[in-house]
Amino acid sequence: MKLLVLNGPNLNMLGIREPDIYGKGTYEDLVELIREHCGTKGIEVSFQQSNHEGDLVTYIQQAYFDKVDGIVINPGAYTHTSVALLDALKAVSIPAVEVHISKVDERESFRQISYVSYYCEKTITGKGFMGYIEACDHLADKLK
């Protein structure tokens, strides 16, 4: 089983950016946590992060050609603005779970809309890095 963990803008700044909201763990810490967890379950996992919307669309499209079985996506701020990410997910028809480190539903009103949620089968918010683990487990259970 192959999963892609895709992270959008500013997630490369974890540990620096608003640690009161996102915690003190770095992006590298997040990748290592997921890699170790997936390794214990025999899941092949790859990671991509970009601050550019078009790159994220390309990564989603490439997942189709790479025969990825599931996508864990944290689109960052593009959650609330990107129909392009939604359309890319719909185009490839790969099962996907949306993850947010913070409780976006308790934050600013503009963060209440998620375009990718129209495609994703599940949205996990407010569980910090463990939300990614839950998303990986959900996809692994579904794809067995």
C-alpha atoms as a PDB file:
ATOM      1  CA  MET A   1       0.000   0.000   0.000  1.00  0.00           C
ATOM      2  CA  LYS A   2       1.263   3.455  -0.955  1.00  0.00           C
ATOM      3  CA  LEU A   3       0.211   6.717   0.686  1.00  0.00           C
ATOM      4  CA  LEU A   4       1.093  10.285  -0.215  1.00  0.00           C
ATOM      5  CA  VAL A   5       1.160  12.861   2.580  1.00  0.00           C
ATOM      6  CA  LEU A   6       0.709  16.255   0.971  1.00  0.00           C
ATOM      7  CA  ASN A   7       1.182  19.519   2.864  1.00  0.00           C
ATOM      8  CA  GLY A   8       0.428  23.010   1.648  1.00  0.00           C
ATOM      9  CA  PRO A   9       1.735  26.487   2.350  1.00  0.00           C
ATOM     10  CA  ASN A  10       3.566  27.377   5.540  1.00  0.00           C
ATOM     11  CA  LEU A  11       3.608  23.836   6.895  1.00  0.00           C
ATOM     12  CA  ASN A  12       7.352  23.835   6.268  1.00  0.00           C
ATOM     13  CA  MET A  13       7.429  26.486   9.030  1.00  0.00           C
ATOM     14  CA  LEU A  14       6.059  24.202  11.748  1.00  0.00           C
ATOM     15  CA  GLY A  15       7.843  24.820  15.033  1.00  0.00           C
ATOM     16  CA  ILE A  16       8.387  28.449  14.071  1.00  0.00           C
ATOM     17  CA  ARG A  17       4.942  29.569  12.922  1.00  0.00           C
ATOM     18  CA  GLU A  18       2.481  30.308  15.744  1.00  0.00           C
ATOM     19  CA  PRO A  19       3.605  27.532  18.111  1.00  0.00           C
ATOM     20  CA  ASP A  20       0.646  28.327  20.395  1.00  0.00           C
ATOM     21  CA  ILE A  21      -1.626  27.080  17.582  1.00  0.00           C
ATOM     22  CA  TYR A  22       0.520  24.531  15.736  1.00  0.00           C
ATOM     23  CA  GLY A  23       2.855  23.318  18.472  1.00  0.00           C
ATOM     24  CA  LYS A  24       6.630  23.270  18.673  1.00  0.00           C
ATOM     25  CA  GLY A  25       7.214  20.203  16.518  1.00  0.00           C
ATOM     26  CA  THR A  26       8.925  20.832  13.192  1.00  0.00           C
ATOM     27  CA  TYR A  27       7.951  19.642   9.738  1.00  0.00           C
ATOM     28  CA  GLU A  28      10.832  17.176   9.959  1.00  0.00           C
ATOM     29  CA  ASP A  29       9.412  15.876  13.253  1.00  0.00           C
ATOM     30  CA  LEU A  30       6.046  15.364  11.560  1.00  0.00           C
ATOM     31  CA  VAL A  31       7.576  13.478   8.641  1.00  0.00           C
ATOM     32  CA  GLU A  32       9.580  11.245  10.973  1.00  0.00           C
ATOM     33  CA  LEU A  33       6.509  10.461  13.119  1.00  0.00           C
ATOM     34  CA  ILE A  34       4.465   9.450  10.080  1.00  0.00           C
ATOM     35  CA  ARG A  35       7.333   7.520   8.473  1.00  0.00           C
ATOM     36  CA  GLU A  36       7.918   5.500  11.662  1.00  0.00           C
ATOM     37  CA  HIS A  37       4.213   4.789  12.145  1.00  0.00           C
ATOM     38  CA  CYS A  38       3.664   3.714   8.560  1.00  0.00           C
ATOM     39  CA  GLY A  39       6.820   1.609   8.671  1.00  0.00           C
ATOM     40  CA  THR A  40       5.413  -0.463  11.530  1.00  0.00           C
ATOM     41  CA  LYS A  41       2.323  -1.152   9.408  1.00  0.00           C
ATOM     42  CA  GLY A  42       4.148  -1.968   6.188  1.00  0.00           C
ATOM     43  CA  ILE A  43       2.830   1.136   4.444  1.00  0.00           C
ATOM     44  CA  GLU A  44       5.006   2.853   1.858  1.00  0.00           C
ATOM     45  CA  VAL A  45       4.690   6.587   2.412  1.00  0.00           C
ATOM     46  CA  SER A  46       5.973   9.578   0.481  1.00  0.00           C
ATOM     47  CA  PHE A  47       5.840  13.256   1.360  1.00  0.00           C
ATOM     48  CA  GLN A  48       5.450  16.477  -0.565  1.00  0.00           C
ATOM     49  CA  GLN A  49       5.123  20.029   0.680  1.00  0.00           C
ATOM     50  CA  SER A  50       4.792  23.207  -1.324  1.00  0.00           C
ATOM     51  CA  ASN A  51       3.858  26.803  -0.836  1.00  0.00           C
ATOM     52  CA  HIS A  52       2.614  26.895  -4.450  1.00  0.00           C
ATOM     53  CA  GLU A  53      -0.870  25.787  -5.456  1.00  0.00           C
ATOM     54  CA  GLY A  54       0.176  24.541  -8.897  1.00  0.00           C
ATOM     55  CA  ASP A  55       2.848  22.301  -7.375  1.00  0.00           C
ATOM     56  CA  LEU A  56       0.240  20.725  -5.103  1.00  0.00           C
ATOM     57  CA  VAL A  57      -2.026  20.065  -8.104  1.00  0.00           C
ATOM     58  CA  THR A  58       0.912  18.465  -9.919  1.00  0.00           C
ATOM     59  CA  TYR A  59       1.698  16.241  -6.907  1.00  0.00           C
ATOM     60  CA  ILE A  60      -1.928  15.067  -6.788  1.00  0.00           C
ATOM     61  CA  GLN A  61      -1.915  14.314 -10.507  1.00  0.00           C
ATOM     62  CA  GLN A  62       1.434  12.508 -10.255  1.00  0.00           C
ATOM     63  CA  ALA A  63       0.001  10.331  -7.480  1.00  0.00           C
ATOM     64  CA  TYR A  64      -2.306   8.816 -10.090  1.00  0.00           C
ATOM     65  CA  PHE A  65       0.597   7.823 -12.338  1.00  0.00           C
ATOM     66  CA  ASP A  66       2.629   6.604  -9.355  1.00  0.00           C
ATOM     67  CA  LYS A  67      -0.267   4.293  -8.398  1.00  0.00           C
ATOM     68  CA  VAL A  68      -0.700   5.855  -4.948  1.00  0.00           C
ATOM     69  CA  ASP A  69      -3.524   4.170  -3.014  1.00  0.00           C
ATOM     70  CA  GLY A  70      -4.455   7.062  -0.702  1.00  0.00           C
ATOM     71  CA  ILE A  71      -3.710  10.711  -0.042  1.00  0.00           C
ATOM     72  CA  VAL A  72      -3.473  12.482   3.303  1.00  0.00           C
ATOM     73  CA  ILE A  73      -3.767  16.185   2.560  1.00  0.00           C
ATOM     74  CA  ASN A  74      -3.333  19.302   4.646  1.00  0.00           C
ATOM     75  CA  PRO A  75      -3.848  22.052   2.075  1.00  0.00           C
ATOM     76  CA  GLY A  76      -3.019  24.792   4.588  1.00  0.00           C
ATOM     77  CA  ALA A  77      -4.525  28.121   3.552  1.00  0.00           C
ATOM     78  CA  TYR A  78      -5.503  26.650   0.164  1.00  0.00           C
ATOM     79  CA  THR A  79      -8.172  24.720   2.058  1.00  0.00           C
ATOM     80  CA  HIS A  80     -10.323  27.826   1.977  1.00  0.00           C
ATOM     81  CA  THR A  81      -9.546  29.068  -1.522  1.00  0.00           C
ATOM     82  CA  SER A  82      -8.576  26.319  -3.930  1.00  0.00           C
ATOM     83  CA  VAL A  83     -11.090  24.815  -6.274  1.00  0.00           C
ATOM     84  CA  ALA A  84      -8.030  23.650  -8.246  1.00  0.00           C
ATOM     85  CA  LEU A  85      -7.035  21.241  -5.463  1.00  0.00           C
ATOM     86  CA  LEU A  86     -10.598  19.951  -5.259  1.00  0.00           C
ATOM     87  CA  ASP A  87     -10.697  19.402  -9.010  1.00  0.00           C
ATOM     88  CA  ALA A  88      -7.328  17.617  -8.968  1.00  0.00           C
ATOM     89  CA  LEU A  89      -8.514  15.240  -6.235  1.00  0.00           C
ATOM     90  CA  LYS A  90     -11.703  14.547  -8.163  1.00  0.00           C
ATOM     91  CA  ALA A  91      -9.738  13.966 -11.371  1.00  0.00           C
ATOM     92  CA  VAL A  92      -7.512  11.248  -9.904  1.00  0.00           C
ATOM     93  CA  SER A  93     -10.219   9.549  -7.787  1.00  0.00           C
ATOM     94  CA  ILE A  94      -7.736   8.448  -5.133  1.00  0.00           C
ATOM     95  CA  PRO A  95      -9.239   8.098  -1.634  1.00  0.00           C
ATOM     96  CA  ALA A  96      -8.203  11.098   0.466  1.00  0.00           C
ATOM     97  CA  VAL A  97      -8.424  12.332   4.038  1.00  0.00           C
ATOM     98  CA  GLU A  98      -8.113  16.019   4.925  1.00  0.00           C
ATOM     99  CA  VAL A  99      -6.070  16.877   8.027  1.00  0.00           C
ATOM    100  CA  HIS A 100      -5.609  20.105   9.972  1.00  0.00           C
ATOM    101  CA  ILE A 101      -3.336  20.399  12.991  1.00  0.00           C
ATOM    102  CA  SER A 102      -5.475  23.100  14.617  1.00  0.00           C
ATOM    103  CA  LYS A 103      -9.195  23.204  15.315  1.00  0.00           C
ATOM    104  CA  VAL A 104     -10.039  25.225  12.223  1.00  0.00           C
ATOM    105  CA  ASP A 105     -13.737  25.225  13.117  1.00  0.00           C
ATOM    106  CA  GLU A 106     -12.887  27.277  16.227  1.00  0.00           C
ATOM    107  CA  ARG A 107     -10.788  29.841  14.392  1.00  0.00           C
ATOM    108  CA  GLU A 108     -11.582  32.766  12.071  1.00  0.00           C
ATOM    109  CA  SER A 109     -14.818  32.632  10.095  1.00  0.00           C
ATOM    110  CA  PHE A 110     -13.007  32.487   6.741  1.00  0.00           C
ATOM    111  CA  ARG A 111     -11.453  29.188   7.835  1.00  0.00           C
ATOM    112  CA  GLN A 112     -14.872  27.530   8.039  1.00  0.00           C
ATOM    113  CA  ILE A 113     -14.973  26.682   4.332  1.00  0.00           C
ATOM    114  CA  SER A 114     -12.993  23.756   2.966  1.00  0.00           C
ATOM    115  CA  TYR A 115     -13.152  23.110  -0.742  1.00  0.00           C
ATOM    116  CA  VAL A 116     -11.226  19.843  -0.527  1.00  0.00           C
ATOM    117  CA  SER A 117     -13.747  18.504   1.973  1.00  0.00           C
ATOM    118  CA  TYR A 118     -16.206  18.179  -0.909  1.00  0.00           C
ATOM    119  CA  TYR A 119     -14.043  15.290  -2.097  1.00  0.00           C
ATOM    120  CA  CYS A 120     -12.285  13.940   0.991  1.00  0.00           C
ATOM    121  CA  GLU A 121     -14.046  11.117   2.744  1.00  0.00           C
ATOM    122  CA  LYS A 122     -13.021  12.342   6.178  1.00  0.00           C
ATOM    123  CA  THR A 123     -11.728  15.526   7.793  1.00  0.00           C
ATOM    124  CA  ILE A 124      -9.616  15.392  10.951  1.00  0.00           C
ATOM    125  CA  THR A 125      -8.999  18.630  12.841  1.00  0.00           C
ATOM    126  CA  GLY A 126      -7.430  19.722  16.097  1.00  0.00           C
ATOM    127  CA  LYS A 127      -5.462  16.571  16.885  1.00  0.00           C
ATOM    128  CA  GLY A 128      -2.045  17.998  16.138  1.00  0.00           C
ATOM    129  CA  PHE A 129       0.396  15.651  14.454  1.00  0.00           C
ATOM    130  CA  MET A 130      -1.668  12.658  15.592  1.00  0.00           C
ATOM    131  CA  GLY A 131      -4.359  13.676  13.108  1.00  0.00           C
ATOM    132  CA  TYR A 132      -2.018  12.526  10.345  1.00  0.00           C
ATOM    133  CA  ILE A 133      -1.591   9.156  12.056  1.00  0.00           C
ATOM    134  CA  GLU A 134      -5.363   8.790  12.319  1.00  0.00           C
ATOM    135  CA  ALA A 135      -5.695   9.655   8.626  1.00  0.00           C
ATOM    136  CA  CYS A 136      -3.058   7.088   7.603  1.00  0.00           C
ATOM    137  CA  ASP A 137      -4.756   4.432   9.724  1.00  0.00           C
ATOM    138  CA  HIS A 138      -8.162   5.265   8.271  1.00  0.00           C
ATOM    139  CA  LEU A 139      -6.880   4.879   4.723  1.00  0.00           C
ATOM    140  CA  ALA A 140      -4.960   1.703   5.572  1.00  0.00           C
ATOM    141  CA  ASP A 141      -8.064   0.120   7.104  1.00  0.00           C
ATOM    142  CA  LYS A 142     -10.213   1.152   4.152  1.00  0.00           C
ATOM    143  CA  LEU A 143      -7.749  -0.059   1.524  1.00  0.00           C
ATOM    144  CA  LYS A 144      -7.018  -3.477   3.071  1.00  0.00           C
END
